């Protein structure tokens, strides 16, 4: 009887060890801190909301590649309208947003910024009638009197441009996202539109696939000058108070992960998958 009891004890001990080993990954995952990052929902191919409501795009894939390198954290990427994201970050209700440019004067409440994710080119696209004699050489003085489309909250034109807007020399009309602005440009309801070059080209390609930009009007939208070169970042709210006590450690680990992805060439490979 006693040997049987001993064998039963060993069996139960072994079974308990097996159960603990099986549950260990799940228990470890539950112990990780879940970190929510707000993702611009209308900035393809960099960030956008899928038809299923999920975050997708180049920067989303970069963050997913960084996630396994973050010790003790799991990411929740929440697609959000850009202006709403700015309100949440300014109020300190959200920890961080992707992908703001570096705007310390216009957005003093975003601090710190991560190491750069990518460098983007902001380019002016205009209706072909504006460029009938070629793109005007002087920016922005040769574009006075024109109507520009813009995404709400997008601040990537330079200061001379915004001074011309404040003086009424250039008009700005907001529309939500690339497609809405490009459709207005296509039908000459605005004269020009500026945004990141790959973002605009990707949207034009999708409009062709959707039958909205066919061969009959394929030359209606013409690429103009580069008006700025911008780095993109993960931007953290400076107004969170004690709400996110892990912010400093998370930001440090994220910087290390992004630097590793740059040095390994993984970010370049992600970009290529989205743009080739």
C-alpha atoms as a PDB file:
ATOM      1  CA  UNK A   1       0.000   0.000   0.000  1.00  0.00           C
ATOM      2  CA  UNK A   2       2.787   2.400   0.945  1.00  0.00           C
ATOM      3  CA  UNK A   3       4.676   2.026  -2.421  1.00  0.00           C
ATOM      4  CA  UNK A   4       1.395   2.718  -4.202  1.00  0.00           C
ATOM      5  CA  UNK A   5       0.895   5.890  -2.211  1.00  0.00           C
ATOM      6  CA  UNK A   6       4.448   6.999  -3.015  1.00  0.00           C
ATOM      7  CA  UNK A   7       3.909   6.333  -6.723  1.00  0.00           C
ATOM      8  CA  UNK A   8       0.676   8.308  -6.568  1.00  0.00           C
ATOM      9  CA  UNK A   9       2.447  11.227  -4.901  1.00  0.00           C
ATOM     10  CA  UNK A  10       5.171  11.216  -7.577  1.00  0.00           C
ATOM     11  CA  UNK A  11       2.515  11.043 -10.271  1.00  0.00           C
ATOM     12  CA  UNK A  12       0.583  13.973  -8.810  1.00  0.00           C
ATOM     13  CA  UNK A  13       3.780  15.990  -8.390  1.00  0.00           C
ATOM     14  CA  UNK A  14       4.734  15.342 -12.002  1.00  0.00           C
ATOM     15  CA  UNK A  15       1.239  16.246 -13.143  1.00  0.00           C
ATOM     16  CA  UNK A  16       1.355  19.508 -11.178  1.00  0.00           C
ATOM     17  CA  UNK A  17       4.723  20.412 -12.729  1.00  0.00           C
ATOM     18  CA  UNK A  18       3.345  19.653 -16.202  1.00  0.00           C
ATOM     19  CA  UNK A  19       0.301  21.854 -15.587  1.00  0.00           C
ATOM     20  CA  UNK A  20       2.471  24.719 -14.326  1.00  0.00           C
ATOM     21  CA  UNK A  21       4.780  24.455 -17.339  1.00  0.00           C
ATOM     22  CA  UNK A  22       1.774  24.481 -19.642  1.00  0.00           C
ATOM     23  CA  UNK A  23       0.255  27.520 -17.948  1.00  0.00           C
ATOM     24  CA  UNK A  24       3.520  29.441 -17.558  1.00  0.00           C
ATOM     25  CA  UNK A  25       3.402  31.252 -20.944  1.00  0.00           C
ATOM     26  CA  UNK A  26      -0.209  32.283 -20.384  1.00  0.00           C
ATOM     27  CA  UNK A  27       0.516  33.435 -16.842  1.00  0.00           C
ATOM     28  CA  UNK A  28       3.548  35.393 -18.052  1.00  0.00           C
ATOM     29  CA  UNK A  29       1.481  37.011 -20.792  1.00  0.00           C
ATOM     30  CA  UNK A  30      -1.166  37.990 -18.256  1.00  0.00           C
ATOM     31  CA  UNK A  31       1.554  39.591 -16.139  1.00  0.00           C
ATOM     32  CA  UNK A  32       2.701  41.808 -19.020  1.00  0.00           C
ATOM     33  CA  UNK A  33       1.483  45.409 -18.971  1.00  0.00           C
ATOM     34  CA  UNK A  34      -0.832  46.143 -21.890  1.00  0.00           C
ATOM     35  CA  UNK A  35       0.134  49.443 -23.527  1.00  0.00           C
ATOM     36  CA  UNK A  36      -2.351  51.189 -25.834  1.00  0.00           C
ATOM     37  CA  UNK A  37      -0.941  53.328 -28.649  1.00  0.00           C
ATOM     38  CA  UNK A  38      -3.275  55.513 -30.723  1.00  0.00           C
ATOM     39  CA  UNK A  39      -2.754  54.963 -34.464  1.00  0.00           C
ATOM     40  CA  UNK A  40      -3.789  57.477 -37.144  1.00  0.00           C
ATOM     41  CA  UNK A  41      -6.657  55.664 -38.870  1.00  0.00           C
ATOM     42  CA  UNK A  42      -6.404  57.446 -42.255  1.00  0.00           C
ATOM     43  CA  UNK A  43      -2.757  57.654 -43.331  1.00  0.00           C
ATOM     44  CA  UNK A  44      -2.102  54.744 -45.730  1.00  0.00           C
ATOM     45  CA  UNK A  45       0.265  53.076 -46.399  1.00  0.00           C
ATOM     46  CA  UNK A  46       1.796  54.104 -43.053  1.00  0.00           C
ATOM     47  CA  UNK A  47      -1.224  53.704 -40.759  1.00  0.00           C
ATOM     48  CA  UNK A  48      -4.888  53.012 -41.428  1.00  0.00           C
ATOM     49  CA  UNK A  49      -8.010  51.215 -40.211  1.00  0.00           C
ATOM     50  CA  UNK A  50      -8.954  48.026 -42.062  1.00  0.00           C
ATOM     51  CA  UNK A  51     -12.522  47.127 -42.982  1.00  0.00           C
ATOM     52  CA  UNK A  52     -12.502  44.894 -39.895  1.00  0.00           C
ATOM     53  CA  UNK A  53     -11.562  47.846 -37.695  1.00  0.00           C
ATOM     54  CA  UNK A  54      -7.951  46.789 -37.088  1.00  0.00           C
ATOM     55  CA  UNK A  55      -4.827  48.954 -37.262  1.00  0.00           C
ATOM     56  CA  UNK A  56      -2.632  48.229 -40.275  1.00  0.00           C
ATOM     57  CA  UNK A  57       0.198  49.768 -42.302  1.00  0.00           C
ATOM     58  CA  UNK A  58       3.963  50.206 -42.319  1.00  0.00           C
ATOM     59  CA  UNK A  59       4.229  51.672 -38.824  1.00  0.00           C
ATOM     60  CA  UNK A  60       1.875  49.061 -37.398  1.00  0.00           C
ATOM     61  CA  UNK A  61       4.103  46.299 -38.805  1.00  0.00           C
ATOM     62  CA  UNK A  62       7.161  48.047 -37.343  1.00  0.00           C
ATOM     63  CA  UNK A  63       5.544  48.160 -33.903  1.00  0.00           C
ATOM     64  CA  UNK A  64       4.505  44.502 -34.177  1.00  0.00           C
ATOM     65  CA  UNK A  65       8.113  43.629 -34.999  1.00  0.00           C
ATOM     66  CA  UNK A  66       9.250  45.645 -31.964  1.00  0.00           C
ATOM     67  CA  UNK A  67       6.771  44.023 -29.574  1.00  0.00           C
ATOM     68  CA  UNK A  68       8.752  40.791 -28.922  1.00  0.00           C
ATOM     69  CA  UNK A  69      11.741  42.947 -27.932  1.00  0.00           C
ATOM     70  CA  UNK A  70       9.775  44.748 -25.201  1.00  0.00           C
ATOM     71  CA  UNK A  71      10.241  43.043 -21.837  1.00  0.00           C
ATOM     72  CA  UNK A  72       7.047  43.033 -19.783  1.00  0.00           C
ATOM     73  CA  UNK A  73       4.814  44.854 -22.286  1.00  0.00           C
ATOM     74  CA  UNK A  74       2.200  43.945 -24.849  1.00  0.00           C
ATOM     75  CA  UNK A  75       0.910  46.412 -27.425  1.00  0.00           C
ATOM     76  CA  UNK A  76      -2.655  47.320 -28.247  1.00  0.00           C
ATOM     77  CA  UNK A  77      -2.772  49.435 -31.408  1.00  0.00           C
ATOM     78  CA  UNK A  78      -5.978  51.467 -31.589  1.00  0.00           C
ATOM     79  CA  UNK A  79      -6.893  53.159 -34.900  1.00  0.00           C
ATOM     80  CA  UNK A  80      -8.217  56.643 -34.102  1.00  0.00           C
ATOM     81  CA  UNK A  81      -9.146  59.806 -36.055  1.00  0.00           C
ATOM     82  CA  UNK A  82      -6.109  62.083 -35.912  1.00  0.00           C
ATOM     83  CA  UNK A  83      -7.786  65.076 -34.284  1.00  0.00           C
ATOM     84  CA  UNK A  84      -9.346  62.866 -31.623  1.00  0.00           C
ATOM     85  CA  UNK A  85      -5.939  61.326 -30.948  1.00  0.00           C
ATOM     86  CA  UNK A  86      -4.468  64.800 -30.477  1.00  0.00           C
ATOM     87  CA  UNK A  87      -7.234  65.677 -27.989  1.00  0.00           C
ATOM     88  CA  UNK A  88      -6.589  62.491 -26.002  1.00  0.00           C
ATOM     89  CA  UNK A  89      -2.825  63.057 -25.935  1.00  0.00           C
ATOM     90  CA  UNK A  90      -3.167  66.743 -24.985  1.00  0.00           C
ATOM     91  CA  UNK A  91      -5.536  65.822 -22.152  1.00  0.00           C
ATOM     92  CA  UNK A  92      -3.176  63.100 -20.899  1.00  0.00           C
ATOM     93  CA  UNK A  93      -5.843  60.399 -21.230  1.00  0.00           C
ATOM     94  CA  UNK A  94      -3.728  58.429 -23.734  1.00  0.00           C
ATOM     95  CA  UNK A  95      -0.078  57.504 -23.434  1.00  0.00           C
ATOM     96  CA  UNK A  96       1.211  57.866 -26.996  1.00  0.00           C
ATOM     97  CA  UNK A  97       0.267  58.365 -30.633  1.00  0.00           C
ATOM     98  CA  UNK A  98       1.726  57.214 -33.965  1.00  0.00           C
ATOM     99  CA  UNK A  99       3.074  58.861 -36.146  1.00  0.00           C
ATOM    100  CA  UNK A 100       3.429  62.561 -35.268  1.00  0.00           C
ATOM    101  CA  UNK A 101       6.160  64.717 -36.717  1.00  0.00           C
ATOM    102  CA  UNK A 102       8.366  66.767 -34.396  1.00  0.00           C
ATOM    103  CA  UNK A 103       6.301  69.876 -33.543  1.00  0.00           C
ATOM    104  CA  UNK A 104       7.445  71.115 -30.100  1.00  0.00           C
ATOM    105  CA  UNK A 105       5.986  74.613 -30.538  1.00  0.00           C
ATOM    106  CA  UNK A 106       2.586  73.633 -31.962  1.00  0.00           C
ATOM    107  CA  UNK A 107       2.263  70.580 -29.696  1.00  0.00           C
ATOM    108  CA  UNK A 108       4.205  71.267 -26.484  1.00  0.00           C
ATOM    109  CA  UNK A 109       2.217  68.523 -24.761  1.00  0.00           C
ATOM    110  CA  UNK A 110       3.901  65.802 -26.858  1.00  0.00           C
ATOM    111  CA  UNK A 111       7.106  64.881 -25.061  1.00  0.00           C
ATOM    112  CA  UNK A 112       9.219  62.796 -25.315  1.00  0.00           C
ATOM    113  CA  UNK A 113       9.419  61.548 -28.874  1.00  0.00           C
ATOM    114  CA  UNK A 114      10.806  58.127 -29.693  1.00  0.00           C
ATOM    115  CA  UNK A 115      13.804  57.679 -31.933  1.00  0.00           C
ATOM    116  CA  UNK A 116      12.704  58.260 -35.564  1.00  0.00           C
ATOM    117  CA  UNK A 117      10.786  55.461 -37.256  1.00  0.00           C
ATOM    118  CA  UNK A 118      11.175  56.703 -40.843  1.00  0.00           C
ATOM    119  CA  UNK A 119      11.988  59.806 -42.850  1.00  0.00           C
ATOM    120  CA  UNK A 120       9.109  60.999 -45.028  1.00  0.00           C
ATOM    121  CA  UNK A 121       8.951  63.466 -47.935  1.00  0.00           C
ATOM    122  CA  UNK A 122       6.036  65.917 -47.895  1.00  0.00           C
ATOM    123  CA  UNK A 123       5.163  66.800 -51.493  1.00  0.00           C
ATOM    124  CA  UNK A 124       2.683  69.126 -53.216  1.00  0.00           C
ATOM    125  CA  UNK A 125       0.369  67.572 -55.808  1.00  0.00           C
ATOM    126  CA  UNK A 126      -1.733  69.915 -57.950  1.00  0.00           C
ATOM    127  CA  UNK A 127      -4.302  69.701 -60.710  1.00  0.00           C
ATOM    128  CA  UNK A 128      -2.657  69.633 -64.136  1.00  0.00           C
ATOM    129  CA  UNK A 129      -4.197  72.992 -65.016  1.00  0.00           C
ATOM    130  CA  UNK A 130      -2.184  74.602 -62.201  1.00  0.00           C
ATOM    131  CA  UNK A 131       0.974  73.088 -63.681  1.00  0.00           C
ATOM    132  CA  UNK A 132       0.095  73.839 -67.324  1.00  0.00           C
ATOM    133  CA  UNK A 133       3.406  75.656 -67.741  1.00  0.00           C
ATOM    134  CA  UNK A 134       5.283  73.480 -65.269  1.00  0.00           C
ATOM    135  CA  UNK A 135       5.297  73.616 -61.450  1.00  0.00           C
ATOM    136  CA  UNK A 136       5.711  77.197 -60.205  1.00  0.00           C
ATOM    137  CA  UNK A 137       9.305  77.459 -58.948  1.00  0.00           C
ATOM    138  CA  UNK A 138       8.821  79.596 -55.833  1.00  0.00           C
ATOM    139  CA  UNK A 139       7.310  78.003 -52.745  1.00  0.00           C
ATOM    140  CA  UNK A 140       4.947  79.208 -51.429  1.00  0.00           C
ATOM    141  CA  UNK A 141       4.854  82.665 -53.005  1.00  0.00           C
ATOM    142  CA  UNK A 142       4.048  81.351 -56.490  1.00  0.00           C
ATOM    143  CA  UNK A 143       1.099  79.385 -55.092  1.00  0.00           C
ATOM    144  CA  UNK A 144      -0.777  82.365 -53.687  1.00  0.00           C
ATOM    145  CA  UNK A 145      -4.432  82.555 -54.662  1.00  0.00           C
ATOM    146  CA  UNK A 146      -4.807  78.758 -54.781  1.00  0.00           C
ATOM    147  CA  UNK A 147      -7.030  76.501 -52.681  1.00  0.00           C
ATOM    148  CA  UNK A 148      -5.183  73.750 -50.799  1.00  0.00           C
ATOM    149  CA  UNK A 149      -6.703  70.622 -49.377  1.00  0.00           C
ATOM    150  CA  UNK A 150      -5.460  69.419 -46.015  1.00  0.00           C
ATOM    151  CA  UNK A 151      -6.063  66.641 -43.521  1.00  0.00           C
ATOM    152  CA  UNK A 152      -7.433  68.023 -40.218  1.00  0.00           C
ATOM    153  CA  UNK A 153      -4.547  68.706 -37.850  1.00  0.00           C
ATOM    154  CA  UNK A 154      -1.848  68.102 -40.478  1.00  0.00           C
ATOM    155  CA  UNK A 155       0.885  70.726 -40.014  1.00  0.00           C
ATOM    156  CA  UNK A 156       3.648  69.652 -42.376  1.00  0.00           C
ATOM    157  CA  UNK A 157       3.908  72.626 -44.705  1.00  0.00           C
ATOM    158  CA  UNK A 158       6.585  75.139 -43.687  1.00  0.00           C
ATOM    159  CA  UNK A 159       6.035  78.403 -41.804  1.00  0.00           C
ATOM    160  CA  UNK A 160       6.003  80.696 -44.879  1.00  0.00           C
ATOM    161  CA  UNK A 161       3.057  78.654 -46.168  1.00  0.00           C
ATOM    162  CA  UNK A 162       1.099  79.020 -42.926  1.00  0.00           C
ATOM    163  CA  UNK A 163       1.868  82.748 -42.797  1.00  0.00           C
ATOM    164  CA  UNK A 164       0.359  83.060 -46.273  1.00  0.00           C
ATOM    165  CA  UNK A 165      -2.703  81.147 -45.030  1.00  0.00           C
ATOM    166  CA  UNK A 166      -3.099  83.484 -42.040  1.00  0.00           C
ATOM    167  CA  UNK A 167      -2.839  86.506 -44.339  1.00  0.00           C
ATOM    168  CA  UNK A 168      -5.546  85.078 -46.619  1.00  0.00           C
ATOM    169  CA  UNK A 169      -3.175  84.681 -49.570  1.00  0.00           C
ATOM    170  CA  UNK A 170      -3.729  80.904 -49.657  1.00  0.00           C
ATOM    171  CA  UNK A 171      -6.969  79.148 -48.747  1.00  0.00           C
ATOM    172  CA  UNK A 172      -7.130  75.882 -46.798  1.00  0.00           C
ATOM    173  CA  UNK A 173     -10.020  73.405 -46.898  1.00  0.00           C
ATOM    174  CA  UNK A 174      -9.922  70.382 -44.585  1.00  0.00           C
ATOM    175  CA  UNK A 175     -11.186  66.978 -45.682  1.00  0.00           C
ATOM    176  CA  UNK A 176     -10.795  63.676 -43.806  1.00  0.00           C
ATOM    177  CA  UNK A 177      -7.912  61.755 -45.333  1.00  0.00           C
ATOM    178  CA  UNK A 178      -6.078  61.307 -48.608  1.00  0.00           C
ATOM    179  CA  UNK A 179      -8.943  59.942 -50.653  1.00  0.00           C
ATOM    180  CA  UNK A 180     -11.368  62.752 -49.857  1.00  0.00           C
ATOM    181  CA  UNK A 181      -8.742  65.374 -50.705  1.00  0.00           C
ATOM    182  CA  UNK A 182      -7.579  63.614 -53.874  1.00  0.00           C
ATOM    183  CA  UNK A 183     -11.145  63.260 -55.128  1.00  0.00           C
ATOM    184  CA  UNK A 184     -11.651  66.987 -54.569  1.00  0.00           C
ATOM    185  CA  UNK A 185      -8.398  67.647 -56.421  1.00  0.00           C
ATOM    186  CA  UNK A 186      -9.394  65.330 -59.262  1.00  0.00           C
ATOM    187  CA  UNK A 187     -12.602  67.309 -59.821  1.00  0.00           C
ATOM    188  CA  UNK A 188     -10.849  70.691 -59.316  1.00  0.00           C
ATOM    189  CA  UNK A 189     -12.752  71.600 -56.160  1.00  0.00           C
ATOM    190  CA  UNK A 190      -9.307  72.366 -54.748  1.00  0.00           C
ATOM    191  CA  UNK A 191      -6.155  73.287 -56.662  1.00  0.00           C
ATOM    192  CA  UNK A 192      -3.421  71.496 -54.680  1.00  0.00           C
ATOM    193  CA  UNK A 193      -2.914  69.043 -51.856  1.00  0.00           C
ATOM    194  CA  UNK A 194       0.173  68.224 -49.795  1.00  0.00           C
ATOM    195  CA  UNK A 195       0.997  65.107 -47.838  1.00  0.00           C
ATOM    196  CA  UNK A 196       3.638  62.416 -47.610  1.00  0.00           C
ATOM    197  CA  UNK A 197       4.593  61.284 -51.111  1.00  0.00           C
ATOM    198  CA  UNK A 198       4.245  57.503 -50.650  1.00  0.00           C
ATOM    199  CA  UNK A 199       0.959  58.009 -48.857  1.00  0.00           C
ATOM    200  CA  UNK A 200      -0.501  59.948 -51.803  1.00  0.00           C
ATOM    201  CA  UNK A 201       0.882  57.556 -54.434  1.00  0.00           C
ATOM    202  CA  UNK A 202      -0.498  54.542 -52.554  1.00  0.00           C
ATOM    203  CA  UNK A 203      -3.946  56.139 -52.371  1.00  0.00           C
ATOM    204  CA  UNK A 204      -3.912  57.030 -56.078  1.00  0.00           C
ATOM    205  CA  UNK A 205      -3.009  53.412 -56.889  1.00  0.00           C
ATOM    206  CA  UNK A 206      -5.925  52.194 -54.753  1.00  0.00           C
ATOM    207  CA  UNK A 207      -8.259  54.685 -56.433  1.00  0.00           C
ATOM    208  CA  UNK A 208      -7.237  53.218 -59.803  1.00  0.00           C
ATOM    209  CA  UNK A 209      -8.038  49.714 -58.546  1.00  0.00           C
ATOM    210  CA  UNK A 210     -11.383  50.976 -57.287  1.00  0.00           C
ATOM    211  CA  UNK A 211     -12.188  52.581 -60.661  1.00  0.00           C
ATOM    212  CA  UNK A 212     -12.048  56.135 -59.328  1.00  0.00           C
ATOM    213  CA  UNK A 213      -8.929  57.279 -61.192  1.00  0.00           C
ATOM    214  CA  UNK A 214      -8.974  55.710 -64.647  1.00  0.00           C
ATOM    215  CA  UNK A 215      -7.015  56.292 -67.850  1.00  0.00           C
ATOM    216  CA  UNK A 216      -9.335  59.135 -68.887  1.00  0.00           C
ATOM    217  CA  UNK A 217      -8.171  61.296 -65.995  1.00  0.00           C
ATOM    218  CA  UNK A 218      -4.903  59.583 -65.044  1.00  0.00           C
ATOM    219  CA  UNK A 219      -2.895  62.744 -65.716  1.00  0.00           C
ATOM    220  CA  UNK A 220      -5.230  65.124 -63.886  1.00  0.00           C
ATOM    221  CA  UNK A 221      -3.096  65.052 -60.716  1.00  0.00           C
ATOM    222  CA  UNK A 222       0.541  66.093 -61.113  1.00  0.00           C
ATOM    223  CA  UNK A 223       3.370  65.825 -58.610  1.00  0.00           C
ATOM    224  CA  UNK A 224       5.054  69.083 -57.654  1.00  0.00           C
ATOM    225  CA  UNK A 225       7.870  70.169 -55.350  1.00  0.00           C
ATOM    226  CA  UNK A 226       9.079  68.598 -52.126  1.00  0.00           C
ATOM    227  CA  UNK A 227       8.213  71.104 -49.404  1.00  0.00           C
ATOM    228  CA  UNK A 228       9.698  69.356 -46.374  1.00  0.00           C
ATOM    229  CA  UNK A 229      11.404  66.219 -45.169  1.00  0.00           C
ATOM    230  CA  UNK A 230      10.024  64.903 -41.902  1.00  0.00           C
ATOM    231  CA  UNK A 231      10.887  62.176 -39.437  1.00  0.00           C
ATOM    232  CA  UNK A 232       8.015  60.172 -37.963  1.00  0.00           C
ATOM    233  CA  UNK A 233       7.921  59.124 -34.308  1.00  0.00           C
ATOM    234  CA  UNK A 234       5.961  57.609 -31.490  1.00  0.00           C
ATOM    235  CA  UNK A 235       4.925  60.707 -29.537  1.00  0.00           C
ATOM    236  CA  UNK A 236       4.205  60.468 -25.802  1.00  0.00           C
ATOM    237  CA  UNK A 237       1.844  62.689 -23.830  1.00  0.00           C
ATOM    238  CA  UNK A 238       3.580  64.966 -21.341  1.00  0.00           C
ATOM    239  CA  UNK A 239       0.352  65.389 -19.335  1.00  0.00           C
ATOM    240  CA  UNK A 240      -0.369  61.876 -18.108  1.00  0.00           C
ATOM    241  CA  UNK A 241       0.677  62.499 -14.484  1.00  0.00           C
ATOM    242  CA  UNK A 242       0.784  59.212 -12.532  1.00  0.00           C
ATOM    243  CA  UNK A 243      -1.646  57.516 -14.951  1.00  0.00           C
ATOM    244  CA  UNK A 244       1.110  55.553 -16.723  1.00  0.00           C
ATOM    245  CA  UNK A 245       3.899  54.886 -14.178  1.00  0.00           C
ATOM    246  CA  UNK A 246       5.697  52.642 -16.680  1.00  0.00           C
ATOM    247  CA  UNK A 247       6.043  55.389 -19.327  1.00  0.00           C
ATOM    248  CA  UNK A 248       9.766  56.062 -18.892  1.00  0.00           C
ATOM    249  CA  UNK A 249      10.743  52.379 -18.931  1.00  0.00           C
ATOM    250  CA  UNK A 250       8.467  51.619 -21.878  1.00  0.00           C
ATOM    251  CA  UNK A 251       9.794  54.581 -23.898  1.00  0.00           C
ATOM    252  CA  UNK A 252      13.378  53.495 -23.244  1.00  0.00           C
ATOM    253  CA  UNK A 253      12.700  49.911 -24.303  1.00  0.00           C
ATOM    254  CA  UNK A 254      10.814  51.054 -27.395  1.00  0.00           C
ATOM    255  CA  UNK A 255      13.777  53.212 -28.462  1.00  0.00           C
ATOM    256  CA  UNK A 256      16.097  50.222 -28.074  1.00  0.00           C
ATOM    257  CA  UNK A 257      13.745  48.027 -30.096  1.00  0.00           C
ATOM    258  CA  UNK A 258      13.411  50.584 -32.915  1.00  0.00           C
ATOM    259  CA  UNK A 259      17.174  51.044 -33.074  1.00  0.00           C
ATOM    260  CA  UNK A 260      17.586  47.271 -33.359  1.00  0.00           C
ATOM    261  CA  UNK A 261      15.026  47.093 -36.171  1.00  0.00           C
ATOM    262  CA  UNK A 262      16.862  49.858 -38.022  1.00  0.00           C
ATOM    263  CA  UNK A 263      20.300  48.275 -37.643  1.00  0.00           C
ATOM    264  CA  UNK A 264      19.034  44.820 -38.642  1.00  0.00           C
ATOM    265  CA  UNK A 265      17.377  46.162 -41.807  1.00  0.00           C
ATOM    266  CA  UNK A 266      13.933  44.960 -40.701  1.00  0.00           C
ATOM    267  CA  UNK A 267      12.289  48.388 -41.054  1.00  0.00           C
ATOM    268  CA  UNK A 268      13.590  48.692 -44.624  1.00  0.00           C
ATOM    269  CA  UNK A 269      12.203  45.232 -45.422  1.00  0.00           C
ATOM    270  CA  UNK A 270       8.805  46.213 -43.988  1.00  0.00           C
ATOM    271  CA  UNK A 271       8.729  49.353 -46.152  1.00  0.00           C
ATOM    272  CA  UNK A 272       9.604  47.322 -49.239  1.00  0.00           C
ATOM    273  CA  UNK A 273       6.780  44.872 -48.580  1.00  0.00           C
ATOM    274  CA  UNK A 274       4.296  47.746 -48.552  1.00  0.00           C
ATOM    275  CA  UNK A 275       5.632  49.749 -51.488  1.00  0.00           C
ATOM    276  CA  UNK A 276       6.844  47.211 -54.071  1.00  0.00           C
END
